Amino acid sequence: MLDTDLAIARKDMEMYKNTIASMAKAQDDAQTLASQEGHLKQQLEDALEELSVVKKERQQARDELTSKDKMLKKAMDAVTKLEM
């Protein structure tokens, strides 16, 4: 009977140790995931900021092109008037 109780106690202790080890691993995994999430959020914020800069530069290029287009049209109109 004592041997049986001792065997049960050892089995319970082993199960307890395994449970603690599993919990510790789960906690480590959760911390790793949280760290990765933070890193991914930072990458996303950086990409969004870069996209914003690119959009602004694109709009500036469009505005500049429109301005040059208008200047070219005026110059062409002036040449046309001179040719008449």
Protein backbone atom coordinates (compact mmCIF):
# COMPACT_ATOMS: atom_id res chain seq x y z
CA MET A 1 0.00 0.00 0.00
CA LEU A 2 2.82 2.36 0.91
CA ASP A 3 4.61 1.48 -2.32
CA THR A 4 1.45 2.21 -4.27
CA ASP A 5 0.99 5.56 -2.53
CA LEU A 6 4.64 6.40 -3.16
CA ALA A 7 4.31 5.46 -6.83
CA ILE A 8 1.19 7.62 -7.14
CA ALA A 9 2.97 10.51 -5.40
CA ARG A 10 5.96 10.18 -7.75
CA LYS A 11 3.65 10.08 -10.73
CA ASP A 12 1.82 13.17 -9.45
CA MET A 13 5.16 14.95 -8.89
CA GLU A 14 6.29 14.13 -12.43
CA MET A 15 2.98 15.36 -13.84
CA TYR A 16 3.31 18.54 -11.74
CA LYS A 17 6.86 19.13 -13.03
CA ASN A 18 5.70 18.60 -16.61
CA THR A 19 2.81 21.00 -16.09
CA ILE A 20 5.14 23.66 -14.66
CA ALA A 21 7.57 23.16 -17.57
CA SER A 22 4.71 23.46 -20.06
CA MET A 23 3.46 26.61 -18.38
CA ALA A 24 6.95 28.15 -18.42
CA LYS A 25 7.33 27.31 -22.12
CA ALA A 26 3.91 28.77 -22.88
CA GLN A 27 4.87 31.96 -21.05
CA ASP A 28 8.15 32.18 -22.99
CA ASP A 29 6.27 31.60 -26.24
CA ALA A 30 3.77 34.32 -25.34
CA GLN A 31 6.59 36.77 -24.60
CA THR A 32 8.26 35.90 -27.91
CA LEU A 33 5.00 36.46 -29.77
CA ALA A 34 4.45 39.77 -28.00
CA SER A 35 7.95 40.86 -28.98
CA GLN A 36 7.38 39.82 -32.59
CA GLU A 37 4.05 41.65 -32.61
CA GLY A 38 5.75 44.82 -31.40
CA HIS A 39 8.42 44.47 -34.08
CA LEU A 40 5.79 43.90 -36.79
CA LYS A 41 3.78 46.90 -35.62
CA GLN A 42 6.91 49.06 -35.84
CA GLN A 43 7.62 47.76 -39.34
CA LEU A 44 4.04 48.57 -40.35
CA GLU A 45 4.28 52.08 -38.93
CA ASP A 46 7.57 52.61 -40.78
CA ALA A 47 6.06 51.34 -44.04
CA LEU A 48 3.02 53.60 -43.63
CA GLU A 49 5.27 56.58 -42.99
CA GLU A 50 7.33 55.74 -46.07
CA LEU A 51 4.16 55.37 -48.14
CA SER A 52 3.00 58.77 -46.96
CA VAL A 53 6.31 60.31 -48.05
CA VAL A 54 6.12 58.60 -51.45
CA LYS A 55 2.54 59.82 -51.97
CA LYS A 56 3.59 63.36 -51.09
CA GLU A 57 6.54 63.21 -53.49
CA ARG A 58 4.30 61.80 -56.22
CA GLN A 59 1.84 64.65 -55.75
CA GLN A 60 4.68 67.18 -55.88
CA ALA A 61 5.93 65.60 -59.12
CA ARG A 62 2.42 65.76 -60.60
CA ASP A 63 2.08 69.40 -59.59
CA GLU A 64 5.46 70.19 -61.13
CA LEU A 65 4.52 68.35 -64.33
CA THR A 66 1.23 70.26 -64.53
CA SER A 67 3.09 73.53 -64.06
CA LYS A 68 5.62 72.66 -66.77
CA ASP A 69 2.78 71.59 -69.05
CA LYS A 70 1.14 74.99 -68.62
CA MET A 71 4.43 76.77 -69.28
CA LEU A 72 4.98 74.69 -72.43
CA LYS A 73 1.47 75.45 -73.65
CA LYS A 74 2.04 79.18 -73.11
CA ALA A 75 5.35 78.99 -74.97
CA MET A 76 3.75 77.10 -77.84
CA ASP A 77 0.93 79.67 -78.00
CA ALA A 78 3.53 82.45 -78.08
CA VAL A 79 5.42 80.72 -80.91
CA THR A 80 2.17 80.24 -82.81
CA LYS A 81 1.35 83.95 -82.45
CA LEU A 82 4.83 84.92 -83.64
CA GLU A 83 4.49 82.68 -86.68
CA MET A 84 1.30 84.43 -87.74
